[in-house]
């Protein structure tokens, strides 16, 4: 892991899909997992954040124990949709190495249907690592495409989250690690991330 690039997308993926994670209350999570799509009560007008890292999702939702984040969903989406969002995304923060100035960054942020932020990746104890994990925010057109076009399957992985957490708590990190989803570097043209690193 010490040779992991600081900015790299790592995810469970196939030739056509990539898995991202979200956590919701059972009110959203149960029908989503049952029907393979989000229910009408899912607010598509709000920005929704998806995470390819299982452990970063565990950090965010407290292993599925935080209020309104009790259900952890693995959402398999098309790679075409994922890459569509990346191509049109803007960094959520200003970077002088990426943006001409703060004004142009704010204009991009206002018009972009997706945004990216890089947060420290997490280990099994949810401690921060030196390399970063991608968080992808979808709004407007991107949120609509995500809900209506990109989703291939929705799986409730809350039991997995609880099992891994239990093993970590009882001092069995090797066994816990064996249960983690296999996340590998996502095959992407490096140029596609140039405006996001």
C-alpha atoms as a PDB file:
ATOM      1  CA  UNK A   1       0.000   0.000   0.000  1.00  0.00           C
ATOM      2  CA  UNK A   2       2.978   2.343   0.522  1.00  0.00           C
ATOM      3  CA  UNK A   3       3.415   2.559  -3.262  1.00  0.00           C
ATOM      4  CA  UNK A   4      -0.213   3.526  -3.893  1.00  0.00           C
ATOM      5  CA  UNK A   5      -0.387   6.806  -5.859  1.00  0.00           C
ATOM      6  CA  UNK A   6      -1.797   9.705  -3.853  1.00  0.00           C
ATOM      7  CA  UNK A   7      -4.634  10.180  -6.359  1.00  0.00           C
ATOM      8  CA  UNK A   8      -6.001   6.947  -7.763  1.00  0.00           C
ATOM      9  CA  UNK A   9      -9.474   5.491  -8.215  1.00  0.00           C
ATOM     10  CA  UNK A  10      -9.702   2.045  -6.655  1.00  0.00           C
ATOM     11  CA  UNK A  11     -12.942   0.113  -6.976  1.00  0.00           C
ATOM     12  CA  UNK A  12     -14.596  -3.234  -7.460  1.00  0.00           C
ATOM     13  CA  UNK A  13     -15.265  -3.306 -11.191  1.00  0.00           C
ATOM     14  CA  UNK A  14     -15.949  -5.522 -14.179  1.00  0.00           C
ATOM     15  CA  UNK A  15     -15.474  -4.852 -17.865  1.00  0.00           C
ATOM     16  CA  UNK A  16     -18.719  -2.858 -17.951  1.00  0.00           C
ATOM     17  CA  UNK A  17     -19.573  -1.859 -14.375  1.00  0.00           C
ATOM     18  CA  UNK A  18     -18.115  -0.241 -11.266  1.00  0.00           C
ATOM     19  CA  UNK A  19     -19.424  -0.570  -7.698  1.00  0.00           C
ATOM     20  CA  UNK A  20     -19.979   2.481  -5.520  1.00  0.00           C
ATOM     21  CA  UNK A  21     -21.359   2.697  -1.997  1.00  0.00           C
ATOM     22  CA  UNK A  22     -23.993   4.794  -0.293  1.00  0.00           C
ATOM     23  CA  UNK A  23     -25.710   4.597   3.090  1.00  0.00           C
ATOM     24  CA  UNK A  24     -29.355   5.432   3.735  1.00  0.00           C
ATOM     25  CA  UNK A  25     -32.121   5.029   6.261  1.00  0.00           C
ATOM     26  CA  UNK A  26     -34.184   1.835   5.817  1.00  0.00           C
ATOM     27  CA  UNK A  27     -36.954   4.021   4.366  1.00  0.00           C
ATOM     28  CA  UNK A  28     -34.784   4.515   1.265  1.00  0.00           C
ATOM     29  CA  UNK A  29     -32.485   1.501   1.524  1.00  0.00           C
ATOM     30  CA  UNK A  30     -35.048  -1.281   1.806  1.00  0.00           C
ATOM     31  CA  UNK A  31     -37.048  -0.443  -1.351  1.00  0.00           C
ATOM     32  CA  UNK A  32     -33.840   0.391  -3.250  1.00  0.00           C
ATOM     33  CA  UNK A  33     -32.326  -3.022  -2.494  1.00  0.00           C
ATOM     34  CA  UNK A  34     -35.626  -4.794  -3.178  1.00  0.00           C
ATOM     35  CA  UNK A  35     -36.405  -3.050  -6.483  1.00  0.00           C
ATOM     36  CA  UNK A  36     -32.888  -2.383  -7.754  1.00  0.00           C
ATOM     37  CA  UNK A  37     -33.606   1.325  -8.073  1.00  0.00           C
ATOM     38  CA  UNK A  38     -34.271   4.245  -5.770  1.00  0.00           C
ATOM     39  CA  UNK A  39     -37.858   4.825  -4.623  1.00  0.00           C
ATOM     40  CA  UNK A  40     -39.858   7.946  -5.464  1.00  0.00           C
ATOM     41  CA  UNK A  41     -38.987   9.370  -2.027  1.00  0.00           C
ATOM     42  CA  UNK A  42     -35.303   9.544  -3.026  1.00  0.00           C
ATOM     43  CA  UNK A  43     -34.615  13.245  -3.579  1.00  0.00           C
ATOM     44  CA  UNK A  44     -33.011  13.553  -6.998  1.00  0.00           C
ATOM     45  CA  UNK A  45     -32.840  17.347  -6.720  1.00  0.00           C
ATOM     46  CA  UNK A  46     -30.214  17.023  -3.965  1.00  0.00           C
ATOM     47  CA  UNK A  47     -26.572  16.216  -4.541  1.00  0.00           C
ATOM     48  CA  UNK A  48     -25.859  12.549  -3.890  1.00  0.00           C
ATOM     49  CA  UNK A  49     -22.346  11.354  -3.071  1.00  0.00           C
ATOM     50  CA  UNK A  50     -21.079   7.940  -4.164  1.00  0.00           C
ATOM     51  CA  UNK A  51     -17.891   6.288  -2.931  1.00  0.00           C
ATOM     52  CA  UNK A  52     -15.972   3.466  -4.641  1.00  0.00           C
ATOM     53  CA  UNK A  53     -14.165   2.671  -1.354  1.00  0.00           C
ATOM     54  CA  UNK A  54     -15.961   0.294   1.020  1.00  0.00           C
ATOM     55  CA  UNK A  55     -13.807   1.328   3.993  1.00  0.00           C
ATOM     56  CA  UNK A  56     -14.291   5.036   3.328  1.00  0.00           C
ATOM     57  CA  UNK A  57     -18.032   4.351   3.329  1.00  0.00           C
ATOM     58  CA  UNK A  58     -17.609   2.566   6.668  1.00  0.00           C
ATOM     59  CA  UNK A  59     -15.823   5.632   8.013  1.00  0.00           C
ATOM     60  CA  UNK A  60     -18.615   7.883   6.776  1.00  0.00           C
ATOM     61  CA  UNK A  61     -21.525   5.800   8.079  1.00  0.00           C
ATOM     62  CA  UNK A  62     -19.872   4.371  11.200  1.00  0.00           C
ATOM     63  CA  UNK A  63     -20.213   0.770   9.992  1.00  0.00           C
ATOM     64  CA  UNK A  64     -23.907   1.372   9.313  1.00  0.00           C
ATOM     65  CA  UNK A  65     -24.599   2.494  12.877  1.00  0.00           C
ATOM     66  CA  UNK A  66     -25.155   6.222  12.321  1.00  0.00           C
ATOM     67  CA  UNK A  67     -28.668   7.595  12.265  1.00  0.00           C
ATOM     68  CA  UNK A  68     -30.231   7.618   8.773  1.00  0.00           C
ATOM     69  CA  UNK A  69     -27.231   5.636   7.471  1.00  0.00           C
ATOM     70  CA  UNK A  70     -28.219   2.250   8.857  1.00  0.00           C
ATOM     71  CA  UNK A  71     -28.363   0.546   5.453  1.00  0.00           C
ATOM     72  CA  UNK A  72     -25.214   0.293   3.368  1.00  0.00           C
ATOM     73  CA  UNK A  73     -25.865  -0.222  -0.328  1.00  0.00           C
ATOM     74  CA  UNK A  74     -23.469  -1.468  -2.983  1.00  0.00           C
ATOM     75  CA  UNK A  75     -24.689   0.182  -6.173  1.00  0.00           C
ATOM     76  CA  UNK A  76     -23.322  -1.336  -9.357  1.00  0.00           C
ATOM     77  CA  UNK A  77     -23.383   1.237 -12.139  1.00  0.00           C
ATOM     78  CA  UNK A  78     -22.191   1.330 -15.724  1.00  0.00           C
ATOM     79  CA  UNK A  79     -18.612   2.338 -16.335  1.00  0.00           C
ATOM     80  CA  UNK A  80     -19.876   4.541 -19.151  1.00  0.00           C
ATOM     81  CA  UNK A  81     -21.999   6.505 -16.681  1.00  0.00           C
ATOM     82  CA  UNK A  82     -19.221   6.723 -14.099  1.00  0.00           C
ATOM     83  CA  UNK A  83     -16.788   8.053 -16.680  1.00  0.00           C
ATOM     84  CA  UNK A  84     -19.399  10.456 -18.071  1.00  0.00           C
ATOM     85  CA  UNK A  85     -19.584  11.998 -14.585  1.00  0.00           C
ATOM     86  CA  UNK A  86     -15.802  12.137 -14.156  1.00  0.00           C
ATOM     87  CA  UNK A  87     -15.349  13.869 -17.517  1.00  0.00           C
ATOM     88  CA  UNK A  88     -17.825  16.583 -16.507  1.00  0.00           C
ATOM     89  CA  UNK A  89     -16.854  16.902 -12.851  1.00  0.00           C
ATOM     90  CA  UNK A  90     -15.228  19.829 -11.111  1.00  0.00           C
ATOM     91  CA  UNK A  91     -13.077  19.706  -7.998  1.00  0.00           C
ATOM     92  CA  UNK A  92     -15.091  20.649  -4.919  1.00  0.00           C
ATOM     93  CA  UNK A  93     -12.243  22.902  -3.764  1.00  0.00           C
ATOM     94  CA  UNK A  94     -10.115  25.501  -5.515  1.00  0.00           C
ATOM     95  CA  UNK A  95      -6.675  24.327  -6.655  1.00  0.00           C
ATOM     96  CA  UNK A  96      -4.215  26.798  -8.223  1.00  0.00           C
ATOM     97  CA  UNK A  97      -2.567  23.951 -10.144  1.00  0.00           C
ATOM     98  CA  UNK A  98      -5.886  23.054 -11.810  1.00  0.00           C
ATOM     99  CA  UNK A  99      -7.894  26.277 -12.039  1.00  0.00           C
ATOM    100  CA  UNK A 100      -6.948  29.574 -13.676  1.00  0.00           C
ATOM    101  CA  UNK A 101      -8.354  31.526 -10.727  1.00  0.00           C
ATOM    102  CA  UNK A 102     -11.014  31.292  -8.023  1.00  0.00           C
ATOM    103  CA  UNK A 103     -13.624  32.954 -10.198  1.00  0.00           C
ATOM    104  CA  UNK A 104     -13.291  30.391 -13.005  1.00  0.00           C
ATOM    105  CA  UNK A 105     -13.384  27.578 -10.414  1.00  0.00           C
ATOM    106  CA  UNK A 106     -16.626  28.953  -8.927  1.00  0.00           C
ATOM    107  CA  UNK A 107     -18.157  29.175 -12.408  1.00  0.00           C
ATOM    108  CA  UNK A 108     -17.169  25.582 -13.157  1.00  0.00           C
ATOM    109  CA  UNK A 109     -18.523  24.427  -9.811  1.00  0.00           C
ATOM    110  CA  UNK A 110     -21.831  26.157 -10.461  1.00  0.00           C
ATOM    111  CA  UNK A 111     -22.337  24.573 -13.881  1.00  0.00           C
ATOM    112  CA  UNK A 112     -20.790  21.108 -13.433  1.00  0.00           C
ATOM    113  CA  UNK A 113     -23.255  18.215 -12.967  1.00  0.00           C
ATOM    114  CA  UNK A 114     -20.679  16.392 -10.808  1.00  0.00           C
ATOM    115  CA  UNK A 115     -17.968  17.261  -8.346  1.00  0.00           C
ATOM    116  CA  UNK A 116     -15.014  15.400  -6.940  1.00  0.00           C
ATOM    117  CA  UNK A 117     -13.234  15.531  -3.640  1.00  0.00           C
ATOM    118  CA  UNK A 118     -10.308  13.410  -2.517  1.00  0.00           C
ATOM    119  CA  UNK A 119     -10.319  12.391   1.144  1.00  0.00           C
ATOM    120  CA  UNK A 120      -7.784  10.251   3.009  1.00  0.00           C
ATOM    121  CA  UNK A 121      -8.398   6.554   2.390  1.00  0.00           C
ATOM    122  CA  UNK A 122      -9.094   4.505   5.533  1.00  0.00           C
ATOM    123  CA  UNK A 123      -7.707   1.283   6.962  1.00  0.00           C
ATOM    124  CA  UNK A 124      -9.668  -1.411   8.802  1.00  0.00           C
ATOM    125  CA  UNK A 125      -9.574   0.676  11.975  1.00  0.00           C
ATOM    126  CA  UNK A 126     -10.845   3.647   9.937  1.00  0.00           C
ATOM    127  CA  UNK A 127      -7.593   5.528  10.526  1.00  0.00           C
ATOM    128  CA  UNK A 128      -6.495   7.811   7.651  1.00  0.00           C
ATOM    129  CA  UNK A 129      -3.921   6.611   5.130  1.00  0.00           C
ATOM    130  CA  UNK A 130      -1.487   8.700   3.080  1.00  0.00           C
ATOM    131  CA  UNK A 131      -3.265   8.143  -0.234  1.00  0.00           C
ATOM    132  CA  UNK A 132      -6.653   9.509  -1.197  1.00  0.00           C
ATOM    133  CA  UNK A 133     -10.080   8.069  -1.916  1.00  0.00           C
ATOM    134  CA  UNK A 134     -12.443   9.473  -4.532  1.00  0.00           C
ATOM    135  CA  UNK A 135     -15.838  10.867  -3.526  1.00  0.00           C
ATOM    136  CA  UNK A 136     -18.076  11.685  -6.478  1.00  0.00           C
ATOM    137  CA  UNK A 137     -20.984  14.077  -6.009  1.00  0.00           C
ATOM    138  CA  UNK A 138     -23.818  13.936  -8.518  1.00  0.00           C
ATOM    139  CA  UNK A 139     -26.426  16.645  -9.015  1.00  0.00           C
ATOM    140  CA  UNK A 140     -28.871  17.796 -11.649  1.00  0.00           C
ATOM    141  CA  UNK A 141     -28.451  15.857 -14.876  1.00  0.00           C
ATOM    142  CA  UNK A 142     -25.865  13.514 -13.330  1.00  0.00           C
ATOM    143  CA  UNK A 143     -28.156  12.568 -10.424  1.00  0.00           C
ATOM    144  CA  UNK A 144     -31.002  11.888 -12.858  1.00  0.00           C
ATOM    145  CA  UNK A 145     -28.823   9.743 -15.114  1.00  0.00           C
ATOM    146  CA  UNK A 146     -27.481   7.877 -12.076  1.00  0.00           C
ATOM    147  CA  UNK A 147     -30.955   7.002 -10.823  1.00  0.00           C
ATOM    148  CA  UNK A 148     -32.591   6.314 -14.191  1.00  0.00           C
ATOM    149  CA  UNK A 149     -29.863   5.003 -16.511  1.00  0.00           C
ATOM    150  CA  UNK A 150     -26.647   3.906 -14.838  1.00  0.00           C
ATOM    151  CA  UNK A 151     -27.788   1.543 -12.080  1.00  0.00           C
ATOM    152  CA  UNK A 152     -27.324  -2.138 -12.889  1.00  0.00           C
ATOM    153  CA  UNK A 153     -28.006  -3.537  -9.411  1.00  0.00           C
ATOM    154  CA  UNK A 154     -28.438  -2.466  -5.778  1.00  0.00           C
ATOM    155  CA  UNK A 155     -27.328  -4.840  -3.013  1.00  0.00           C
ATOM    156  CA  UNK A 156     -27.748  -4.470   0.734  1.00  0.00           C
ATOM    157  CA  UNK A 157     -24.260  -5.029   2.175  1.00  0.00           C
ATOM    158  CA  UNK A 158     -25.136  -3.984   5.739  1.00  0.00           C
ATOM    159  CA  UNK A 159     -24.621  -7.547   7.055  1.00  0.00           C
ATOM    160  CA  UNK A 160     -21.124  -7.514   5.542  1.00  0.00           C
ATOM    161  CA  UNK A 161     -20.387  -4.153   7.185  1.00  0.00           C
ATOM    162  CA  UNK A 162     -21.489  -5.482  10.577  1.00  0.00           C
ATOM    163  CA  UNK A 163     -19.503  -8.718  10.171  1.00  0.00           C
ATOM    164  CA  UNK A 164     -16.284  -6.908   9.234  1.00  0.00           C
ATOM    165  CA  UNK A 165     -16.791  -4.464  12.109  1.00  0.00           C
ATOM    166  CA  UNK A 166     -17.318  -7.302  14.585  1.00  0.00           C
ATOM    167  CA  UNK A 167     -14.098  -8.998  13.482  1.00  0.00           C
ATOM    168  CA  UNK A 168     -12.151  -5.747  13.804  1.00  0.00           C
ATOM    169  CA  UNK A 169     -13.554  -5.215  17.305  1.00  0.00           C
ATOM    170  CA  UNK A 170     -12.601  -8.736  18.420  1.00  0.00           C
ATOM    171  CA  UNK A 171      -9.042  -8.353  17.167  1.00  0.00           C
ATOM    172  CA  UNK A 172      -9.282 -10.434  13.990  1.00  0.00           C
ATOM    173  CA  UNK A 173      -8.097  -7.975  11.311  1.00  0.00           C
ATOM    174  CA  UNK A 174      -6.787 -10.652   8.938  1.00  0.00           C
ATOM    175  CA  UNK A 175     -10.159 -12.406   8.864  1.00  0.00           C
ATOM    176  CA  UNK A 176     -11.895  -9.025   8.485  1.00  0.00           C
ATOM    177  CA  UNK A 177      -9.599  -8.112   5.605  1.00  0.00           C
ATOM    178  CA  UNK A 178     -10.449 -11.313   3.752  1.00  0.00           C
ATOM    179  CA  UNK A 179     -14.112 -10.280   3.703  1.00  0.00           C
ATOM    180  CA  UNK A 180     -13.517  -6.869   2.141  1.00  0.00           C
ATOM    181  CA  UNK A 181     -14.638  -6.268  -1.447  1.00  0.00           C
ATOM    182  CA  UNK A 182     -11.720  -6.560  -3.848  1.00  0.00           C
ATOM    183  CA  UNK A 183     -10.949  -3.008  -4.941  1.00  0.00           C
ATOM    184  CA  UNK A 184      -8.325  -2.618  -7.647  1.00  0.00           C
ATOM    185  CA  UNK A 185      -7.020   0.369  -9.622  1.00  0.00           C
ATOM    186  CA  UNK A 186      -9.722   1.486 -12.007  1.00  0.00           C
ATOM    187  CA  UNK A 187      -8.512   1.369 -15.643  1.00  0.00           C
ATOM    188  CA  UNK A 188      -8.817   4.935 -16.782  1.00  0.00           C
ATOM    189  CA  UNK A 189      -7.057   7.165 -19.277  1.00  0.00           C
ATOM    190  CA  UNK A 190      -4.832   9.333 -17.009  1.00  0.00           C
ATOM    191  CA  UNK A 191      -5.969  12.361 -18.987  1.00  0.00           C
ATOM    192  CA  UNK A 192      -9.478  11.911 -17.679  1.00  0.00           C
ATOM    193  CA  UNK A 193      -8.303  12.784 -14.151  1.00  0.00           C
ATOM    194  CA  UNK A 194      -6.005  15.660 -15.070  1.00  0.00           C
ATOM    195  CA  UNK A 195      -8.647  18.275 -14.221  1.00  0.00           C
ATOM    196  CA  UNK A 196      -9.430  16.493 -10.930  1.00  0.00           C
ATOM    197  CA  UNK A 197      -6.004  16.076  -9.313  1.00  0.00           C
END
